[in-house]
Every structure is written in structure tokens, then in C-alpha cells.
Amino acid sequence: MSDDRMFPADRVPSIRRLMMPRDTNALGSIFGGIILSEIDLAAAVEAHKSHPSRIVTVAMDKVEFKQPVQVGDLVSFYTETTRVGRTSITVHVSVWAQRRFGGGEFVHVTEADVTMVAVDENGKPTAVLRKSGKA
């Protein structure tokens, strides 16, 4: 399975995680749900750059696993804010695994667009706070 994407060597990932045996499925590769959870966390890290208060995930668009993730892979989650609306923030997350404990080749695992919504203390949508701290 070929993927024409180039590894983003000039960027710093939002989060990185070494995959361990506890994260495996019955086939010996990493559960897709583990990767989805980390995508959600990486998107939140990025979204908090635009909104320093409460946010919740409302959508994760089209996650297609292109390569399996194995025990010992060092997985990096690269993020970019693609849209800031009145109450929502959309973050693109690109996931790359470096094989053999971070010493091997890089493979593009998956990507997703995650929509986060700013919420108040009651869980109701609220205006995104900009860098100035104002909506």
C-alpha cells in the first residue's frame, strides 16, 4: 500500500507515544481505538492554542488506517488548525509511526479532521476565545 505523503521532518509533533504490548489487539498490532484516542488528545492540544478553556470533540472525519502500528513503534501526531469558527475549531491530525523504537523507517498511518466545540461550565456551546482572551 503506497502513500505519497512526505514525512513532516521540519515540524514538531503535538504528542508522541511509544506503543507498548498493553495496547495490542488479538492480531498483535495496536488497537485502532488507541490511535483514535491519541488523535483526540492531539487535536485538543492544538485547539487549546485557539481557546484556552473547555472544549469537547463533536466530530472526527474519515479515519482510514493505511498502515498497521506495531509494538515498539514511536507514533507522532502532527496537528494544524484549519478553521476557527464562532464556537468551533477544526484541527487536522496526521499520524506517523517510526518503526523499531524510533530508529526505523517512517510510515504514514492515518489522518483525520477533528472538530472541537468550545463549551461553558454547563456543557453548552460558547464563543471561541481568541488569543486576546476575548470572543
N, C-alpha and C. Protein backbone atom coordinates (compact mmCIF):
# COMPACT_ATOMS: atom_id res chain seq x y z
N MET A 1 0.84 -1.17 0.00
CA MET A 1 0.00 0.00 0.00
C MET A 1 0.89 1.24 0.00
N SER A 2 0.78 2.04 -1.02
CA SER A 2 1.65 3.20 -1.17
C SER A 2 0.95 4.46 -0.68
N ASP A 3 1.70 5.35 -0.10
CA ASP A 3 1.21 6.65 0.34
C ASP A 3 2.24 7.68 -0.09
N ASP A 4 1.82 8.65 -0.87
CA ASP A 4 2.74 9.64 -1.42
C ASP A 4 3.08 10.76 -0.45
N ARG A 5 2.60 10.72 0.75
CA ARG A 5 2.85 11.80 1.70
C ARG A 5 4.31 11.79 2.14
N MET A 6 4.82 12.99 2.35
CA MET A 6 6.20 13.13 2.81
C MET A 6 6.19 13.32 4.33
N PHE A 7 7.10 12.67 5.01
CA PHE A 7 7.21 12.82 6.45
C PHE A 7 7.53 14.27 6.79
N PRO A 8 6.79 14.87 7.73
CA PRO A 8 6.99 16.30 8.06
C PRO A 8 8.18 16.52 8.99
N ALA A 9 9.37 16.27 8.50
CA ALA A 9 10.59 16.33 9.32
C ALA A 9 10.86 17.71 9.91
N ASP A 10 10.31 18.74 9.29
CA ASP A 10 10.57 20.10 9.76
C ASP A 10 9.55 20.57 10.80
N ARG A 11 8.64 19.67 11.23
CA ARG A 11 7.61 20.05 12.20
C ARG A 11 7.78 19.30 13.51
N VAL A 12 7.25 19.88 14.57
CA VAL A 12 7.28 19.26 15.89
C VAL A 12 5.90 18.65 16.14
N PRO A 13 5.83 17.39 16.52
CA PRO A 13 4.52 16.79 16.77
C PRO A 13 3.86 17.36 18.02
N SER A 14 2.53 17.36 18.03
CA SER A 14 1.80 17.79 19.23
C SER A 14 2.02 16.81 20.36
N ILE A 15 1.99 15.51 20.03
CA ILE A 15 2.29 14.47 21.00
C ILE A 15 3.01 13.33 20.31
N ARG A 16 3.75 12.56 21.10
CA ARG A 16 4.42 11.34 20.62
C ARG A 16 4.19 10.26 21.65
N ARG A 17 4.09 9.02 21.17
CA ARG A 17 3.87 7.92 22.10
C ARG A 17 4.52 6.65 21.58
N LEU A 18 5.22 5.99 22.48
CA LEU A 18 5.80 4.68 22.18
C LEU A 18 4.73 3.63 22.45
N MET A 19 4.44 2.81 21.45
CA MET A 19 3.38 1.81 21.58
C MET A 19 3.90 0.58 22.32
N MET A 20 3.13 0.15 23.29
CA MET A 20 3.52 -0.93 24.18
C MET A 20 2.59 -2.14 24.03
N PRO A 21 3.00 -3.31 24.54
CA PRO A 21 2.19 -4.53 24.40
C PRO A 21 0.77 -4.41 24.95
N ARG A 22 0.55 -3.61 25.96
CA ARG A 22 -0.80 -3.48 26.55
C ARG A 22 -1.80 -2.88 25.57
N ASP A 23 -1.31 -2.26 24.48
CA ASP A 23 -2.17 -1.59 23.51
C ASP A 23 -2.54 -2.46 22.31
N THR A 24 -2.19 -3.76 22.37
CA THR A 24 -2.38 -4.61 21.19
C THR A 24 -3.73 -5.31 21.15
N ASN A 25 -4.13 -5.62 19.93
CA ASN A 25 -5.34 -6.42 19.72
C ASN A 25 -4.94 -7.89 19.59
N ALA A 26 -5.89 -8.74 19.28
CA ALA A 26 -5.63 -10.18 19.19
C ALA A 26 -4.68 -10.55 18.04
N LEU A 27 -4.51 -9.66 17.07
CA LEU A 27 -3.61 -9.91 15.94
C LEU A 27 -2.19 -9.43 16.21
N GLY A 28 -2.00 -8.76 17.36
CA GLY A 28 -0.66 -8.30 17.72
C GLY A 28 -0.31 -6.91 17.26
N SER A 29 -1.24 -6.22 16.59
CA SER A 29 -0.98 -4.82 16.23
C SER A 29 -1.76 -3.93 17.21
N ILE A 30 -1.52 -2.65 17.15
CA ILE A 30 -2.12 -1.71 18.11
C ILE A 30 -3.60 -1.52 17.77
N PHE A 31 -4.44 -1.53 18.81
CA PHE A 31 -5.86 -1.27 18.65
C PHE A 31 -6.08 0.06 17.93
N GLY A 32 -6.99 0.08 16.98
CA GLY A 32 -7.35 1.33 16.31
C GLY A 32 -7.88 2.35 17.30
N GLY A 33 -8.57 1.88 18.33
CA GLY A 33 -9.13 2.79 19.34
C GLY A 33 -8.06 3.54 20.11
N ILE A 34 -6.90 2.93 20.29
CA ILE A 34 -5.78 3.62 20.95
C ILE A 34 -5.33 4.79 20.08
N ILE A 35 -5.21 4.56 18.78
CA ILE A 35 -4.80 5.62 17.87
C ILE A 35 -5.86 6.72 17.83
N LEU A 36 -7.15 6.34 17.80
CA LEU A 36 -8.22 7.33 17.80
C LEU A 36 -8.18 8.20 19.05
N SER A 37 -7.93 7.59 20.19
CA SER A 37 -7.83 8.33 21.45
C SER A 37 -6.69 9.34 21.40
N GLU A 38 -5.56 8.93 20.86
CA GLU A 38 -4.41 9.84 20.76
C GLU A 38 -4.66 10.96 19.75
N ILE A 39 -5.38 10.66 18.67
CA ILE A 39 -5.77 11.70 17.71
C ILE A 39 -6.61 12.76 18.42
N ASP A 40 -7.54 12.30 19.25
CA ASP A 40 -8.41 13.20 20.00
C ASP A 40 -7.59 14.08 20.95
N LEU A 41 -6.62 13.49 21.63
CA LEU A 41 -5.77 14.26 22.54
C LEU A 41 -4.91 15.28 21.78
N ALA A 42 -4.34 14.86 20.67
CA ALA A 42 -3.51 15.77 19.88
C ALA A 42 -4.33 16.94 19.36
N ALA A 43 -5.55 16.67 18.90
CA ALA A 43 -6.43 17.74 18.42
C ALA A 43 -6.75 18.72 19.54
N ALA A 44 -6.97 18.20 20.74
CA ALA A 44 -7.26 19.07 21.89
C ALA A 44 -6.06 19.96 22.22
N VAL A 45 -4.87 19.41 22.17
CA VAL A 45 -3.66 20.21 22.42
C VAL A 45 -3.61 21.37 21.44
N GLU A 46 -3.86 21.09 20.18
CA GLU A 46 -3.83 22.13 19.15
C GLU A 46 -4.97 23.13 19.34
N ALA A 47 -6.18 22.65 19.60
CA ALA A 47 -7.34 23.53 19.75
C ALA A 47 -7.17 24.49 20.92
N HIS A 48 -6.50 24.04 21.96
CA HIS A 48 -6.29 24.92 23.13
C HIS A 48 -5.37 26.09 22.82
N LYS A 49 -4.70 26.07 21.70
CA LYS A 49 -3.92 27.24 21.27
C LYS A 49 -4.86 28.38 20.86
N SER A 50 -6.06 28.01 20.39
CA SER A 50 -7.05 29.00 19.98
C SER A 50 -8.06 29.31 21.08
N HIS A 51 -8.28 28.37 21.96
CA HIS A 51 -9.28 28.53 23.02
C HIS A 51 -8.74 27.90 24.30
N PRO A 52 -8.37 28.73 25.28
CA PRO A 52 -7.72 28.20 26.49
C PRO A 52 -8.65 27.58 27.52
N SER A 53 -9.95 27.49 27.21
CA SER A 53 -10.90 26.96 28.18
C SER A 53 -11.45 25.61 27.71
N ARG A 54 -12.61 25.23 28.18
CA ARG A 54 -13.19 23.91 27.91
C ARG A 54 -13.53 23.71 26.43
N ILE A 55 -13.19 22.53 25.94
CA ILE A 55 -13.57 22.12 24.59
C ILE A 55 -13.99 20.66 24.63
N VAL A 56 -14.85 20.30 23.68
CA VAL A 56 -15.25 18.90 23.55
C VAL A 56 -15.16 18.51 22.08
N THR A 57 -14.95 17.24 21.83
CA THR A 57 -14.91 16.73 20.46
C THR A 57 -16.33 16.45 20.00
N VAL A 58 -16.68 16.96 18.81
CA VAL A 58 -18.00 16.69 18.26
C VAL A 58 -17.95 15.84 16.99
N ALA A 59 -16.79 15.82 16.32
CA ALA A 59 -16.68 15.02 15.10
C ALA A 59 -15.23 14.68 14.81
N MET A 60 -15.06 13.50 14.22
CA MET A 60 -13.75 13.08 13.73
C MET A 60 -14.02 12.51 12.34
N ASP A 61 -13.59 13.24 11.32
CA ASP A 61 -13.94 12.88 9.95
C ASP A 61 -12.95 11.92 9.31
N LYS A 62 -13.48 10.90 8.69
CA LYS A 62 -12.81 9.91 7.87
C LYS A 62 -11.42 9.50 8.35
N VAL A 63 -11.41 8.54 9.22
CA VAL A 63 -10.16 7.94 9.67
C VAL A 63 -10.02 6.61 8.94
N GLU A 64 -9.02 6.52 8.11
CA GLU A 64 -8.75 5.30 7.37
C GLU A 64 -7.32 4.86 7.70
N PHE A 65 -7.20 3.68 8.29
CA PHE A 65 -5.87 3.20 8.66
C PHE A 65 -5.17 2.65 7.43
N LYS A 66 -4.05 3.28 7.07
CA LYS A 66 -3.30 2.92 5.87
C LYS A 66 -2.19 1.90 6.16
N GLN A 67 -1.67 1.94 7.37
CA GLN A 67 -0.60 1.02 7.80
C GLN A 67 -0.90 0.59 9.23
N PRO A 68 -0.56 -0.63 9.60
CA PRO A 68 -0.72 -1.02 11.00
C PRO A 68 0.36 -0.38 11.86
N VAL A 69 0.04 -0.21 13.12
CA VAL A 69 1.01 0.26 14.10
C VAL A 69 1.38 -0.94 14.95
N GLN A 70 2.68 -1.11 15.19
CA GLN A 70 3.18 -2.28 15.89
C GLN A 70 3.73 -1.90 17.27
N VAL A 71 3.84 -2.88 18.13
CA VAL A 71 4.51 -2.67 19.42
C VAL A 71 5.93 -2.19 19.12
N GLY A 72 6.34 -1.16 19.83
CA GLY A 72 7.67 -0.61 19.64
C GLY A 72 7.74 0.53 18.65
N ASP A 73 6.65 0.82 17.95
CA ASP A 73 6.63 1.97 17.06
C ASP A 73 6.53 3.25 17.89
N LEU A 74 7.28 4.26 17.47
CA LEU A 74 7.17 5.59 18.07
C LEU A 74 6.21 6.38 17.17
N VAL A 75 5.04 6.69 17.70
CA VAL A 75 3.99 7.30 16.89
C VAL A 75 3.90 8.79 17.21
N SER A 76 3.93 9.60 16.15
CA SER A 76 3.87 11.06 16.27
C SER A 76 2.58 11.56 15.65
N PHE A 77 1.97 12.54 16.32
CA PHE A 77 0.69 13.12 15.91
C PHE A 77 0.93 14.60 15.60
N TYR A 78 0.89 14.93 14.31
CA TYR A 78 1.14 16.29 13.84
C TYR A 78 -0.19 17.00 13.63
N THR A 79 -0.31 18.22 14.13
CA THR A 79 -1.58 18.92 14.07
C THR A 79 -1.45 20.29 13.41
N GLU A 80 -2.58 20.72 12.88
CA GLU A 80 -2.67 22.05 12.28
C GLU A 80 -4.12 22.51 12.39
N THR A 81 -4.31 23.71 12.92
CA THR A 81 -5.65 24.29 12.96
C THR A 81 -6.02 24.72 11.55
N THR A 82 -7.15 24.21 11.05
CA THR A 82 -7.56 24.53 9.69
C THR A 82 -8.74 25.49 9.64
N ARG A 83 -9.46 25.61 10.76
CA ARG A 83 -10.59 26.54 10.79
C ARG A 83 -10.93 26.90 12.23
N VAL A 84 -11.20 28.18 12.45
CA VAL A 84 -11.72 28.64 13.73
C VAL A 84 -13.02 29.37 13.43
N GLY A 85 -14.11 28.81 13.93
CA GLY A 85 -15.43 29.41 13.75
C GLY A 85 -15.85 30.16 15.00
N ARG A 86 -17.15 30.45 15.08
CA ARG A 86 -17.65 31.18 16.25
C ARG A 86 -17.55 30.33 17.52
N THR A 87 -17.95 29.05 17.43
CA THR A 87 -17.89 28.17 18.60
C THR A 87 -17.03 26.93 18.37
N SER A 88 -16.55 26.74 17.14
CA SER A 88 -15.82 25.50 16.84
C SER A 88 -14.43 25.75 16.29
N ILE A 89 -13.61 24.73 16.43
CA ILE A 89 -12.24 24.73 15.94
C ILE A 89 -12.03 23.40 15.23
N THR A 90 -11.53 23.45 13.99
CA THR A 90 -11.24 22.22 13.26
C THR A 90 -9.73 22.05 13.18
N VAL A 91 -9.28 20.86 13.52
CA VAL A 91 -7.86 20.54 13.57
C VAL A 91 -7.59 19.33 12.67
N HIS A 92 -6.60 19.46 11.81
CA HIS A 92 -6.16 18.32 11.00
C HIS A 92 -5.05 17.61 11.77
N VAL A 93 -5.17 16.30 11.91
CA VAL A 93 -4.16 15.49 12.60
C VAL A 93 -3.62 14.46 11.61
N SER A 94 -2.30 14.44 11.46
CA SER A 94 -1.62 13.47 10.61
C SER A 94 -0.77 12.57 11.52
N VAL A 95 -0.93 11.26 11.36
CA VAL A 95 -0.28 10.30 12.26
C VAL A 95 0.81 9.54 11.52
N TRP A 96 2.01 9.55 12.10
CA TRP A 96 3.17 8.85 11.53
C TRP A 96 3.77 7.93 12.57
N ALA A 97 4.17 6.75 12.13
CA ALA A 97 4.86 5.81 13.01
C ALA A 97 6.29 5.64 12.53
N GLN A 98 7.20 5.68 13.49
CA GLN A 98 8.59 5.36 13.17
C GLN A 98 8.83 3.98 13.75
N ARG A 99 9.19 3.05 12.90
CA ARG A 99 9.35 1.66 13.29
C ARG A 99 10.55 1.47 14.23
N ARG A 100 10.55 0.37 14.94
CA ARG A 100 11.66 -0.08 15.79
C ARG A 100 12.11 0.95 16.83
N PHE A 101 11.20 1.32 17.71
CA PHE A 101 11.51 2.19 18.84
C PHE A 101 12.10 3.53 18.40
N GLY A 102 11.64 4.03 17.27
CA GLY A 102 12.09 5.32 16.79
C GLY A 102 13.37 5.28 16.00
N GLY A 103 13.84 4.11 15.63
CA GLY A 103 15.09 4.01 14.88
C GLY A 103 14.93 3.54 13.45
N GLY A 104 13.69 3.26 13.04
CA GLY A 104 13.45 2.71 11.71
C GLY A 104 12.78 3.69 10.77
N GLU A 105 12.18 3.14 9.73
CA GLU A 105 11.54 3.96 8.70
C GLU A 105 10.28 4.63 9.25
N PHE A 106 9.87 5.71 8.58
CA PHE A 106 8.65 6.43 8.92
C PHE A 106 7.54 5.96 7.97
N VAL A 107 6.35 5.69 8.51
CA VAL A 107 5.21 5.33 7.69
C VAL A 107 4.01 6.19 8.10
N HIS A 108 3.26 6.62 7.08
CA HIS A 108 2.04 7.39 7.35
C HIS A 108 0.94 6.41 7.73
N VAL A 109 0.39 6.57 8.91
CA VAL A 109 -0.59 5.64 9.45
C VAL A 109 -2.01 6.05 9.09
N THR A 110 -2.36 7.30 9.38
CA THR A 110 -3.71 7.78 9.12
C THR A 110 -3.74 9.29 9.31
N GLU A 111 -4.90 9.87 9.09
CA GLU A 111 -5.11 11.28 9.35
C GLU A 111 -6.60 11.49 9.59
N ALA A 112 -6.93 12.63 10.19
CA ALA A 112 -8.33 12.94 10.47
C ALA A 112 -8.49 14.44 10.64
N ASP A 113 -9.70 14.90 10.37
CA ASP A 113 -10.08 16.27 10.70
C ASP A 113 -10.99 16.17 11.91
N VAL A 114 -10.59 16.83 12.99
CA VAL A 114 -11.32 16.76 14.25
C VAL A 114 -11.95 18.11 14.52
N THR A 115 -13.26 18.10 14.78
CA THR A 115 -13.96 19.34 15.12
C THR A 115 -14.22 19.36 16.62
N MET A 116 -13.74 20.42 17.24
CA MET A 116 -13.90 20.63 18.67
C MET A 116 -14.82 21.84 18.86
N VAL A 117 -15.64 21.82 19.92
CA VAL A 117 -16.52 22.94 20.22
C VAL A 117 -16.19 23.46 21.61
N ALA A 118 -16.10 24.79 21.70
CA ALA A 118 -15.89 25.45 22.99
C ALA A 118 -17.21 25.36 23.78
N VAL A 119 -17.11 24.98 25.05
CA VAL A 119 -18.31 24.87 25.88
C VAL A 119 -18.11 25.60 27.21
N ASP A 120 -19.25 26.00 27.80
CA ASP A 120 -19.21 26.65 29.11
C ASP A 120 -19.26 25.60 30.21
N GLU A 121 -19.38 26.03 31.45
CA GLU A 121 -19.37 25.11 32.58
C GLU A 121 -20.58 24.18 32.60
N ASN A 122 -21.62 24.51 31.80
CA ASN A 122 -22.81 23.66 31.70
C ASN A 122 -22.80 22.77 30.46
N GLY A 123 -21.69 22.81 29.72
CA GLY A 123 -21.58 21.99 28.53
C GLY A 123 -22.27 22.57 27.31
N LYS A 124 -22.67 23.82 27.37
CA LYS A 124 -23.33 24.49 26.26
C LYS A 124 -22.30 25.20 25.39
N PRO A 125 -22.48 25.19 24.06
CA PRO A 125 -21.52 25.89 23.18
C PRO A 125 -21.37 27.35 23.56
N THR A 126 -20.16 27.83 23.47
CA THR A 126 -19.83 29.21 23.78
C THR A 126 -18.84 29.72 22.74
N ALA A 127 -18.66 31.01 22.68
CA ALA A 127 -17.76 31.60 21.69
C ALA A 127 -16.32 31.18 21.97
N VAL A 128 -15.59 30.93 20.89
CA VAL A 128 -14.17 30.63 20.98
C VAL A 128 -13.46 31.90 21.44
N LEU A 129 -12.62 31.76 22.43
CA LEU A 129 -11.81 32.89 22.89
C LEU A 129 -10.59 33.01 22.00
N ARG A 130 -10.32 34.17 21.52
CA ARG A 130 -9.15 34.38 20.67
C ARG A 130 -7.94 34.61 21.57
N LYS A 131 -6.76 34.77 20.99
CA LYS A 131 -5.54 34.94 21.76
C LYS A 131 -5.61 36.08 22.75
N SER A 132 -6.42 37.09 22.46
CA SER A 132 -6.56 38.23 23.37
C SER A 132 -7.37 37.86 24.60
N GLY A 133 -8.01 36.67 24.58
CA GLY A 133 -8.84 36.25 25.71
C GLY A 133 -10.29 36.67 25.53
N LYS A 134 -10.61 37.30 24.38
CA LYS A 134 -11.97 37.74 24.10
C LYS A 134 -12.54 36.98 22.93
N ALA A 135 -13.85 36.86 22.91
CA ALA A 135 -14.53 36.14 21.83
C ALA A 135 -14.48 36.93 20.53
